[in-house]
Every structure is written in C-alpha cells, then in structure tokens.
C-alpha cells in the first residue's frame, strides 16, 4: 500500500505479529509504533499493583509481562473472552457481567491500576468507571491508546495530507458510527476516510 509509517492500534496484533517481527529483524524500528512499547515506557516507574485485562491471545503472548519485567514490574494478567464481541454488538448484559468479573479480580489483587489492553475495552470505559464506583473500588482505569497516541504525535506531528484508511474484517454499522464520531467531516481537512473489507 506504500505506507511510510505503521501504527498497530491492536494489542493482539502488536503482541502476536508486530513485536515478534521487530525482534526477528533487529529490534526497534522508528517507523513502526505498536501497543506494548509505549505502554511499558509510560508505566515503567509505577510502584503500585497492576492488573492487565486483555484477550487470551495477548495474555498468552507474554509480551506485556516480559516488557514490564525489565522494570521490575510483575502485573496480574486477566485473560477475558467474549467482551470484545459483546462491545461490537452492544450486548449490555454480557458487557456488565464481564466488567463485574474483571473489577472483582482487580480488587482481589489489590490493584490500583487496571490496564485495558484491548482497544475494544476503552469504548466502555465509562461502564468500567460506573461499576467501580458502585462497589467503592478506587482504581485508575487506563487506556493504553493514549500512550500510543502520545508516541505517534511525538514521531509524526499533526500536519500532513493524504488518506486515512480503515481495514476491517466485515461491514459494521457500529464501527461506521464510531468513525463518524471520532472523525467528523469538519475535522478531516483534506483527509479521506476509506473503509475496505478484507
């Protein structure tokens, strides 16, 4: 596709494809930003217990555990299945059940930070916050995409022209709605939103 820079905004892809690929070809590539590196750097000075909730694939990759171990941090890992799919279909019953399960585990671990290590999960961050408030759980619910965005801004800035393309596996009206919300026409300038299905 002729891309000059790559940002992997998916934890599972970063852990199972991007990071291993970088290791095979010699480590850090300044033109590739993935999820694990920026998040680890942001959390490296943390002294409080962390629970990382992620897909089973991300947890099984051991990437977050290995990266944080370099800074003496051993996170509590919580693999969860079904939450991303429930978010896509807006299944509130399953979403609430999964969130309650996650927060109860984080509370048992005495965690003060909950890292939402799947890019679907921050879409229901407010639900996490409301559920935590309901059980009087004082926990910092962190979206790692903010660390990735900070890294991308530092590398590439905000100026430029061209097109912004989304490649998704199947048509999703919910996804299209999110795109319209995050990238309204008035803020696109000369960029073009193109959705292609693979």
C-alpha atoms as a PDB file:
ATOM      1  CA  UNK A   1       0.000   0.000   0.000  1.00  0.00           C
ATOM      2  CA  UNK A   2       3.050   2.313   0.086  1.00  0.00           C
ATOM      3  CA  UNK A   3       2.842   3.303   3.744  1.00  0.00           C
ATOM      4  CA  UNK A   4       5.813   5.170   5.246  1.00  0.00           C
ATOM      5  CA  UNK A   5       4.753   4.601   8.846  1.00  0.00           C
ATOM      6  CA  UNK A   6       2.777   1.902  10.644  1.00  0.00           C
ATOM      7  CA  UNK A   7       0.822   2.231  13.883  1.00  0.00           C
ATOM      8  CA  UNK A   8      -0.510  -1.062  15.197  1.00  0.00           C
ATOM      9  CA  UNK A   9      -3.542   0.008  17.224  1.00  0.00           C
ATOM     10  CA  UNK A  10      -4.398  -3.529  18.290  1.00  0.00           C
ATOM     11  CA  UNK A  11      -2.873  -5.285  21.269  1.00  0.00           C
ATOM     12  CA  UNK A  12      -3.302  -8.796  19.882  1.00  0.00           C
ATOM     13  CA  UNK A  13      -1.697  -7.868  16.554  1.00  0.00           C
ATOM     14  CA  UNK A  14       1.107  -5.992  18.314  1.00  0.00           C
ATOM     15  CA  UNK A  15       1.842  -8.971  20.555  1.00  0.00           C
ATOM     16  CA  UNK A  16       1.464 -11.780  18.038  1.00  0.00           C
ATOM     17  CA  UNK A  17       2.818 -10.136  14.875  1.00  0.00           C
ATOM     18  CA  UNK A  18       4.490  -6.728  15.203  1.00  0.00           C
ATOM     19  CA  UNK A  19       6.743  -7.210  18.256  1.00  0.00           C
ATOM     20  CA  UNK A  20       7.976 -10.677  17.170  1.00  0.00           C
ATOM     21  CA  UNK A  21       8.613  -9.289  13.676  1.00  0.00           C
ATOM     22  CA  UNK A  22      10.672  -6.419  15.080  1.00  0.00           C
ATOM     23  CA  UNK A  23      12.707  -8.865  17.168  1.00  0.00           C
ATOM     24  CA  UNK A  24      13.426 -11.031  14.118  1.00  0.00           C
ATOM     25  CA  UNK A  25      14.570  -8.054  12.055  1.00  0.00           C
ATOM     26  CA  UNK A  26      16.717  -6.409  14.680  1.00  0.00           C
ATOM     27  CA  UNK A  27      14.575  -4.709  17.285  1.00  0.00           C
ATOM     28  CA  UNK A  28      13.207  -1.158  17.296  1.00  0.00           C
ATOM     29  CA  UNK A  29      12.030   0.393  14.032  1.00  0.00           C
ATOM     30  CA  UNK A  30      11.243   4.120  14.435  1.00  0.00           C
ATOM     31  CA  UNK A  31       8.653   3.917  11.649  1.00  0.00           C
ATOM     32  CA  UNK A  32       6.559   1.313  13.472  1.00  0.00           C
ATOM     33  CA  UNK A  33       4.623   2.083  16.647  1.00  0.00           C
ATOM     34  CA  UNK A  34       2.872  -0.760  18.445  1.00  0.00           C
ATOM     35  CA  UNK A  35       0.994  -1.004  21.734  1.00  0.00           C
ATOM     36  CA  UNK A  36       3.409  -2.701  24.130  1.00  0.00           C
ATOM     37  CA  UNK A  37       6.452  -0.411  23.880  1.00  0.00           C
ATOM     38  CA  UNK A  38       4.770   2.971  24.555  1.00  0.00           C
ATOM     39  CA  UNK A  39       2.626   1.462  27.318  1.00  0.00           C
ATOM     40  CA  UNK A  40       5.606  -0.130  29.064  1.00  0.00           C
ATOM     41  CA  UNK A  41       7.585   3.113  28.939  1.00  0.00           C
ATOM     42  CA  UNK A  42       4.644   5.028  30.410  1.00  0.00           C
ATOM     43  CA  UNK A  43       4.232   2.552  33.275  1.00  0.00           C
ATOM     44  CA  UNK A  44       7.904   1.806  33.950  1.00  0.00           C
ATOM     45  CA  UNK A  45       8.069   3.892  37.144  1.00  0.00           C
ATOM     46  CA  UNK A  46       4.828   2.522  38.588  1.00  0.00           C
ATOM     47  CA  UNK A  47       5.142   1.133  42.103  1.00  0.00           C
ATOM     48  CA  UNK A  48       1.510   0.135  42.626  1.00  0.00           C
ATOM     49  CA  UNK A  49      -0.063  -3.242  41.713  1.00  0.00           C
ATOM     50  CA  UNK A  50      -1.338  -3.501  38.136  1.00  0.00           C
ATOM     51  CA  UNK A  51      -3.984  -5.758  36.628  1.00  0.00           C
ATOM     52  CA  UNK A  52      -3.866  -6.063  32.853  1.00  0.00           C
ATOM     53  CA  UNK A  53      -7.089  -7.236  31.229  1.00  0.00           C
ATOM     54  CA  UNK A  54      -6.702  -8.435  27.671  1.00  0.00           C
ATOM     55  CA  UNK A  55      -7.736 -11.034  25.152  1.00  0.00           C
ATOM     56  CA  UNK A  56      -6.494 -14.564  25.653  1.00  0.00           C
ATOM     57  CA  UNK A  57      -4.119 -14.130  22.696  1.00  0.00           C
ATOM     58  CA  UNK A  58      -2.481 -11.047  24.201  1.00  0.00           C
ATOM     59  CA  UNK A  59      -2.043 -12.682  27.604  1.00  0.00           C
ATOM     60  CA  UNK A  60      -0.689 -15.899  26.053  1.00  0.00           C
ATOM     61  CA  UNK A  61       1.910 -13.931  24.053  1.00  0.00           C
ATOM     62  CA  UNK A  62       3.592 -12.928  27.348  1.00  0.00           C
ATOM     63  CA  UNK A  63       4.689  -9.659  25.723  1.00  0.00           C
ATOM     64  CA  UNK A  64       3.406  -7.272  28.394  1.00  0.00           C
ATOM     65  CA  UNK A  65       4.746  -9.485  31.178  1.00  0.00           C
ATOM     66  CA  UNK A  66       8.203  -9.690  29.582  1.00  0.00           C
ATOM     67  CA  UNK A  67       8.401  -5.966  28.804  1.00  0.00           C
ATOM     68  CA  UNK A  68       7.314  -4.857  32.290  1.00  0.00           C
ATOM     69  CA  UNK A  69       9.591  -7.374  33.998  1.00  0.00           C
ATOM     70  CA  UNK A  70      12.567  -5.364  32.702  1.00  0.00           C
ATOM     71  CA  UNK A  71      11.457  -2.602  35.084  1.00  0.00           C
ATOM     72  CA  UNK A  72      10.781  -4.918  37.993  1.00  0.00           C
ATOM     73  CA  UNK A  73       7.018  -4.936  37.469  1.00  0.00           C
ATOM     74  CA  UNK A  74       5.008  -8.157  37.630  1.00  0.00           C
ATOM     75  CA  UNK A  75       1.435  -7.413  36.536  1.00  0.00           C
ATOM     76  CA  UNK A  76      -1.593  -9.521  37.336  1.00  0.00           C
ATOM     77  CA  UNK A  77      -2.838 -10.807  33.979  1.00  0.00           C
ATOM     78  CA  UNK A  78      -6.534 -11.398  33.406  1.00  0.00           C
ATOM     79  CA  UNK A  79      -7.472 -13.035  30.089  1.00  0.00           C
ATOM     80  CA  UNK A  80     -11.082 -12.465  29.108  1.00  0.00           C
ATOM     81  CA  UNK A  81     -13.076 -13.912  26.241  1.00  0.00           C
ATOM     82  CA  UNK A  82     -16.255 -12.528  24.746  1.00  0.00           C
ATOM     83  CA  UNK A  83     -16.032  -8.928  25.906  1.00  0.00           C
ATOM     84  CA  UNK A  84     -14.777  -7.510  22.601  1.00  0.00           C
ATOM     85  CA  UNK A  85     -17.556  -9.299  20.712  1.00  0.00           C
ATOM     86  CA  UNK A  86     -20.138  -8.064  23.215  1.00  0.00           C
ATOM     87  CA  UNK A  87     -18.912  -4.493  22.749  1.00  0.00           C
ATOM     88  CA  UNK A  88     -19.230  -4.818  18.968  1.00  0.00           C
ATOM     89  CA  UNK A  89     -22.843  -5.996  19.285  1.00  0.00           C
ATOM     90  CA  UNK A  90     -23.590  -3.699  22.246  1.00  0.00           C
ATOM     91  CA  UNK A  91     -24.709  -6.661  24.377  1.00  0.00           C
ATOM     92  CA  UNK A  92     -25.082  -4.801  27.680  1.00  0.00           C
ATOM     93  CA  UNK A  93     -25.794  -7.935  29.712  1.00  0.00           C
ATOM     94  CA  UNK A  94     -22.535  -9.623  28.772  1.00  0.00           C
ATOM     95  CA  UNK A  95     -20.593  -6.345  28.966  1.00  0.00           C
ATOM     96  CA  UNK A  96     -21.762  -5.739  32.531  1.00  0.00           C
ATOM     97  CA  UNK A  97     -21.105  -9.332  33.576  1.00  0.00           C
ATOM     98  CA  UNK A  98     -17.560  -9.235  32.187  1.00  0.00           C
ATOM     99  CA  UNK A  99     -16.822  -5.850  33.760  1.00  0.00           C
ATOM    100  CA  UNK A 100     -18.022  -7.040  37.172  1.00  0.00           C
ATOM    101  CA  UNK A 101     -15.811 -10.130  36.868  1.00  0.00           C
ATOM    102  CA  UNK A 102     -12.788  -8.043  35.886  1.00  0.00           C
ATOM    103  CA  UNK A 103     -13.237  -5.491  38.663  1.00  0.00           C
ATOM    104  CA  UNK A 104     -13.750  -8.171  41.307  1.00  0.00           C
ATOM    105  CA  UNK A 105     -10.497  -9.806  40.226  1.00  0.00           C
ATOM    106  CA  UNK A 106      -8.643  -6.492  40.243  1.00  0.00           C
ATOM    107  CA  UNK A 107      -9.992  -5.808  43.735  1.00  0.00           C
ATOM    108  CA  UNK A 108      -8.840  -9.224  44.953  1.00  0.00           C
ATOM    109  CA  UNK A 109      -5.386  -8.477  43.517  1.00  0.00           C
ATOM    110  CA  UNK A 110      -5.421  -5.142  45.379  1.00  0.00           C
ATOM    111  CA  UNK A 111      -4.567  -3.461  42.098  1.00  0.00           C
ATOM    112  CA  UNK A 112      -4.564   0.321  41.882  1.00  0.00           C
ATOM    113  CA  UNK A 113      -4.218   0.355  38.091  1.00  0.00           C
ATOM    114  CA  UNK A 114      -6.392  -1.519  35.599  1.00  0.00           C
ATOM    115  CA  UNK A 115      -4.899  -1.505  32.110  1.00  0.00           C
ATOM    116  CA  UNK A 116      -7.464  -2.067  29.342  1.00  0.00           C
ATOM    117  CA  UNK A 117      -5.139  -3.913  26.958  1.00  0.00           C
ATOM    118  CA  UNK A 118      -7.631  -4.446  24.151  1.00  0.00           C
ATOM    119  CA  UNK A 119      -8.648  -1.482  22.030  1.00  0.00           C
ATOM    120  CA  UNK A 120     -12.305  -2.503  22.296  1.00  0.00           C
ATOM    121  CA  UNK A 121     -12.391  -2.172  26.075  1.00  0.00           C
ATOM    122  CA  UNK A 122     -11.898   1.619  26.370  1.00  0.00           C
ATOM    123  CA  UNK A 123     -15.092   2.034  24.330  1.00  0.00           C
ATOM    124  CA  UNK A 124     -16.914   1.009  27.526  1.00  0.00           C
ATOM    125  CA  UNK A 125     -14.512   2.755  29.916  1.00  0.00           C
ATOM    126  CA  UNK A 126     -17.402   4.745  31.383  1.00  0.00           C
ATOM    127  CA  UNK A 127     -19.117   1.453  32.210  1.00  0.00           C
ATOM    128  CA  UNK A 128     -15.941   0.338  33.997  1.00  0.00           C
ATOM    129  CA  UNK A 129     -15.861   3.604  35.963  1.00  0.00           C
ATOM    130  CA  UNK A 130     -19.541   3.374  36.930  1.00  0.00           C
ATOM    131  CA  UNK A 131     -19.186  -0.253  38.035  1.00  0.00           C
ATOM    132  CA  UNK A 132     -16.060   0.552  40.065  1.00  0.00           C
ATOM    133  CA  UNK A 133     -17.885   3.430  41.760  1.00  0.00           C
ATOM    134  CA  UNK A 134     -20.818   1.151  42.580  1.00  0.00           C
ATOM    135  CA  UNK A 135     -18.562  -1.183  44.586  1.00  0.00           C
ATOM    136  CA  UNK A 136     -16.449   1.645  46.042  1.00  0.00           C
ATOM    137  CA  UNK A 137     -13.362   0.457  44.180  1.00  0.00           C
ATOM    138  CA  UNK A 138     -10.719   3.175  43.873  1.00  0.00           C
ATOM    139  CA  UNK A 139      -8.785   2.160  40.791  1.00  0.00           C
ATOM    140  CA  UNK A 140      -7.166   4.030  37.908  1.00  0.00           C
ATOM    141  CA  UNK A 141      -8.624   2.637  34.675  1.00  0.00           C
ATOM    142  CA  UNK A 142      -6.024   3.218  31.971  1.00  0.00           C
ATOM    143  CA  UNK A 143      -6.410   3.264  28.189  1.00  0.00           C
ATOM    144  CA  UNK A 144      -3.002   2.415  26.624  1.00  0.00           C
ATOM    145  CA  UNK A 145      -4.079   4.012  23.346  1.00  0.00           C
ATOM    146  CA  UNK A 146      -3.310   7.365  24.992  1.00  0.00           C
ATOM    147  CA  UNK A 147       0.362   6.341  25.311  1.00  0.00           C
ATOM    148  CA  UNK A 148       0.409   5.198  21.685  1.00  0.00           C
ATOM    149  CA  UNK A 149      -1.171   8.467  20.543  1.00  0.00           C
ATOM    150  CA  UNK A 150       1.432  10.453  22.500  1.00  0.00           C
ATOM    151  CA  UNK A 151       4.203   8.433  20.845  1.00  0.00           C
ATOM    152  CA  UNK A 152       2.677   8.895  17.391  1.00  0.00           C
ATOM    153  CA  UNK A 153       2.327  12.646  17.944  1.00  0.00           C
ATOM    154  CA  UNK A 154       5.969  12.894  19.036  1.00  0.00           C
ATOM    155  CA  UNK A 155       7.135  10.988  15.951  1.00  0.00           C
ATOM    156  CA  UNK A 156       4.879  12.349  13.226  1.00  0.00           C
ATOM    157  CA  UNK A 157       3.161  15.530  14.425  1.00  0.00           C
ATOM    158  CA  UNK A 158      -0.275  16.529  13.181  1.00  0.00           C
ATOM    159  CA  UNK A 159       0.455  18.132   9.826  1.00  0.00           C
ATOM    160  CA  UNK A 160       0.192  16.311   6.530  1.00  0.00           C
ATOM    161  CA  UNK A 161      -2.023  15.277   3.663  1.00  0.00           C
ATOM    162  CA  UNK A 162      -3.237  12.016   2.268  1.00  0.00           C
ATOM    163  CA  UNK A 163      -5.864   9.463   3.097  1.00  0.00           C
ATOM    164  CA  UNK A 164      -6.822   7.638   6.239  1.00  0.00           C
ATOM    165  CA  UNK A 165      -7.822   4.026   5.572  1.00  0.00           C
ATOM    166  CA  UNK A 166      -9.523   1.523   7.841  1.00  0.00           C
ATOM    167  CA  UNK A 167      -9.235  -2.169   7.008  1.00  0.00           C
ATOM    168  CA  UNK A 168     -11.808  -4.257   8.853  1.00  0.00           C
ATOM    169  CA  UNK A 169     -12.915  -7.873   8.524  1.00  0.00           C
ATOM    170  CA  UNK A 170     -16.583  -7.217   7.810  1.00  0.00           C
ATOM    171  CA  UNK A 171     -19.054  -4.390   7.457  1.00  0.00           C
ATOM    172  CA  UNK A 172     -20.153  -2.982  10.797  1.00  0.00           C
ATOM    173  CA  UNK A 173     -22.632  -0.148  11.196  1.00  0.00           C
ATOM    174  CA  UNK A 174     -21.410   0.269  14.784  1.00  0.00           C
ATOM    175  CA  UNK A 175     -17.846   0.742  13.548  1.00  0.00           C
ATOM    176  CA  UNK A 176     -19.004   3.214  10.913  1.00  0.00           C
ATOM    177  CA  UNK A 177     -20.772   5.169  13.651  1.00  0.00           C
ATOM    178  CA  UNK A 178     -17.598   5.319  15.730  1.00  0.00           C
ATOM    179  CA  UNK A 179     -15.637   6.551  12.710  1.00  0.00           C
ATOM    180  CA  UNK A 180     -18.164   9.320  12.126  1.00  0.00           C
ATOM    181  CA  UNK A 181     -17.946  10.317  15.801  1.00  0.00           C
ATOM    182  CA  UNK A 182     -14.153  10.270  16.023  1.00  0.00           C
ATOM    183  CA  UNK A 183     -13.500  11.782  12.596  1.00  0.00           C
ATOM    184  CA  UNK A 184     -16.328  14.183  11.750  1.00  0.00           C
ATOM    185  CA  UNK A 185     -16.198  15.811   8.349  1.00  0.00           C
ATOM    186  CA  UNK A 186     -15.431  19.216   9.874  1.00  0.00           C
ATOM    187  CA  UNK A 187     -12.172  17.874  11.375  1.00  0.00           C
ATOM    188  CA  UNK A 188     -10.903  15.830   8.438  1.00  0.00           C
ATOM    189  CA  UNK A 189      -9.432  18.723   6.458  1.00  0.00           C
ATOM    190  CA  UNK A 190      -8.263  17.108   3.207  1.00  0.00           C
ATOM    191  CA  UNK A 191      -8.087  13.560   4.552  1.00  0.00           C
ATOM    192  CA  UNK A 192     -10.431  10.949   3.168  1.00  0.00           C
ATOM    193  CA  UNK A 193     -11.926   8.141   5.250  1.00  0.00           C
ATOM    194  CA  UNK A 194     -11.957   4.892   3.270  1.00  0.00           C
ATOM    195  CA  UNK A 195     -13.324   1.669   4.722  1.00  0.00           C
ATOM    196  CA  UNK A 196     -12.224  -1.502   2.962  1.00  0.00           C
ATOM    197  CA  UNK A 197     -13.167  -5.043   3.835  1.00  0.00           C
ATOM    198  CA  UNK A 198     -10.687  -7.900   3.838  1.00  0.00           C
END
